[in-house]
Amino acid sequence: MADVKIDRVKSSNSGILGRALSEARGHRVVLDSSSRPQLDALTNSEAFLAGVSSCGVTLIEMHAKESGVPLTGITVTIEGARRRG
């Protein structure tokens, strides 16, 4: 399994309805249910979209460096839509 990368995240309830604590590699993130967003945390949906967009940013940034392509900045905006209910 040397060519397999395994990522692990542990999530648990926080004691506040609709809020979870997630931890990976010693970093803790508070995530709120998309149906109960608060101002001090990302929702689960926002965190998912952040993972997708930040993956794109870092992949392009690293590819540009490895290819010798000058890159002064990159910004990605992503939206997700879903039916409520």
Protein backbone atom coordinates (compact mmCIF):
# COMPACT_ATOMS: atom_id res chain seq x y z
CA MET A 1 0.00 0.00 0.00
CA ALA A 2 2.95 2.35 -0.46
CA ASP A 3 1.18 4.11 -3.34
CA VAL A 4 -2.03 4.75 -1.37
CA LYS A 5 -2.44 7.96 0.64
CA ILE A 6 -4.90 7.68 3.49
CA ASP A 7 -6.38 10.79 5.07
CA ARG A 8 -8.25 10.57 8.34
CA VAL A 9 -10.64 13.07 9.92
CA LYS A 10 -12.39 12.53 13.24
CA SER A 11 -15.68 14.38 13.77
CA SER A 12 -17.78 14.53 16.92
CA ASN A 13 -20.76 16.38 18.25
CA SER A 14 -19.99 19.62 20.05
CA GLY A 15 -22.90 19.74 22.48
CA ILE A 16 -24.57 22.39 20.32
CA LEU A 17 -27.30 21.11 18.01
CA GLY A 18 -26.17 21.32 14.38
CA ARG A 19 -22.48 21.92 15.19
CA ALA A 20 -19.66 19.38 14.89
CA LEU A 21 -15.97 19.44 15.72
CA SER A 22 -13.65 17.91 13.14
CA GLU A 23 -9.98 17.18 13.68
CA ALA A 24 -7.15 16.13 11.38
CA ARG A 25 -3.40 16.12 12.05
CA GLY A 26 -3.89 18.17 15.22
CA HIS A 27 -5.98 20.86 13.51
CA ARG A 28 -9.53 21.44 14.73
CA VAL A 29 -12.34 22.89 12.64
CA VAL A 30 -15.86 23.76 13.76
CA LEU A 31 -18.50 22.97 11.14
CA ASP A 32 -22.17 23.81 11.19
CA SER A 33 -25.06 22.02 9.56
CA SER A 34 -26.11 23.79 6.37
CA SER A 35 -29.58 24.11 7.87
CA ARG A 36 -28.25 25.83 11.04
CA PRO A 37 -25.40 28.13 9.93
CA GLN A 38 -23.78 30.44 12.49
CA LEU A 39 -21.51 33.41 11.78
CA ASP A 40 -18.40 31.93 13.43
CA ALA A 41 -18.04 28.71 11.40
CA LEU A 42 -18.27 27.30 7.90
CA THR A 43 -21.17 25.04 7.05
CA ASN A 44 -20.57 21.46 5.92
CA SER A 45 -21.42 22.51 2.36
CA GLU A 46 -19.01 25.45 2.46
CA ALA A 47 -16.24 23.23 3.82
CA PHE A 48 -16.81 20.72 1.02
CA LEU A 49 -16.68 23.46 -1.61
CA ALA A 50 -13.56 24.93 0.03
CA GLY A 51 -11.86 21.54 -0.24
CA VAL A 52 -12.67 21.29 -3.94
CA SER A 53 -11.62 24.86 -4.81
CA SER A 54 -8.45 24.83 -2.70
CA CYS A 55 -7.46 21.55 -4.37
CA GLY A 56 -7.73 23.28 -7.73
CA VAL A 57 -5.65 26.24 -6.54
CA THR A 58 -2.83 24.11 -5.16
CA LEU A 59 -2.76 21.74 -8.15
CA ILE A 60 -2.48 24.62 -10.63
CA GLU A 61 0.06 26.43 -8.47
CA MET A 62 2.31 23.36 -8.18
CA HIS A 63 1.95 22.47 -11.87
CA ALA A 64 2.90 26.02 -12.87
CA LYS A 65 6.00 25.90 -10.69
CA GLU A 66 7.05 22.46 -11.99
CA SER A 67 6.45 23.59 -15.59
CA GLY A 68 8.32 26.86 -15.21
CA VAL A 69 5.19 28.91 -15.88
CA PRO A 70 5.20 32.21 -13.96
CA LEU A 71 2.14 32.54 -11.76
CA THR A 72 1.59 35.66 -9.70
CA GLY A 73 -1.76 34.69 -8.24
CA ILE A 74 -4.80 32.50 -8.58
CA THR A 75 -8.33 32.81 -7.25
CA VAL A 76 -11.07 30.24 -7.57
CA THR A 77 -14.75 30.84 -6.85
CA ILE A 78 -17.05 27.85 -6.58
CA GLU A 79 -20.78 27.60 -5.94
CA GLY A 80 -22.94 24.65 -5.12
CA ALA A 81 -26.69 24.36 -5.45
CA ARG A 82 -29.00 21.71 -4.07
CA ARG A 83 -32.67 21.27 -3.46
CA ARG A 84 -33.82 21.91 0.06
CA GLY A 85 -35.61 19.19 1.88
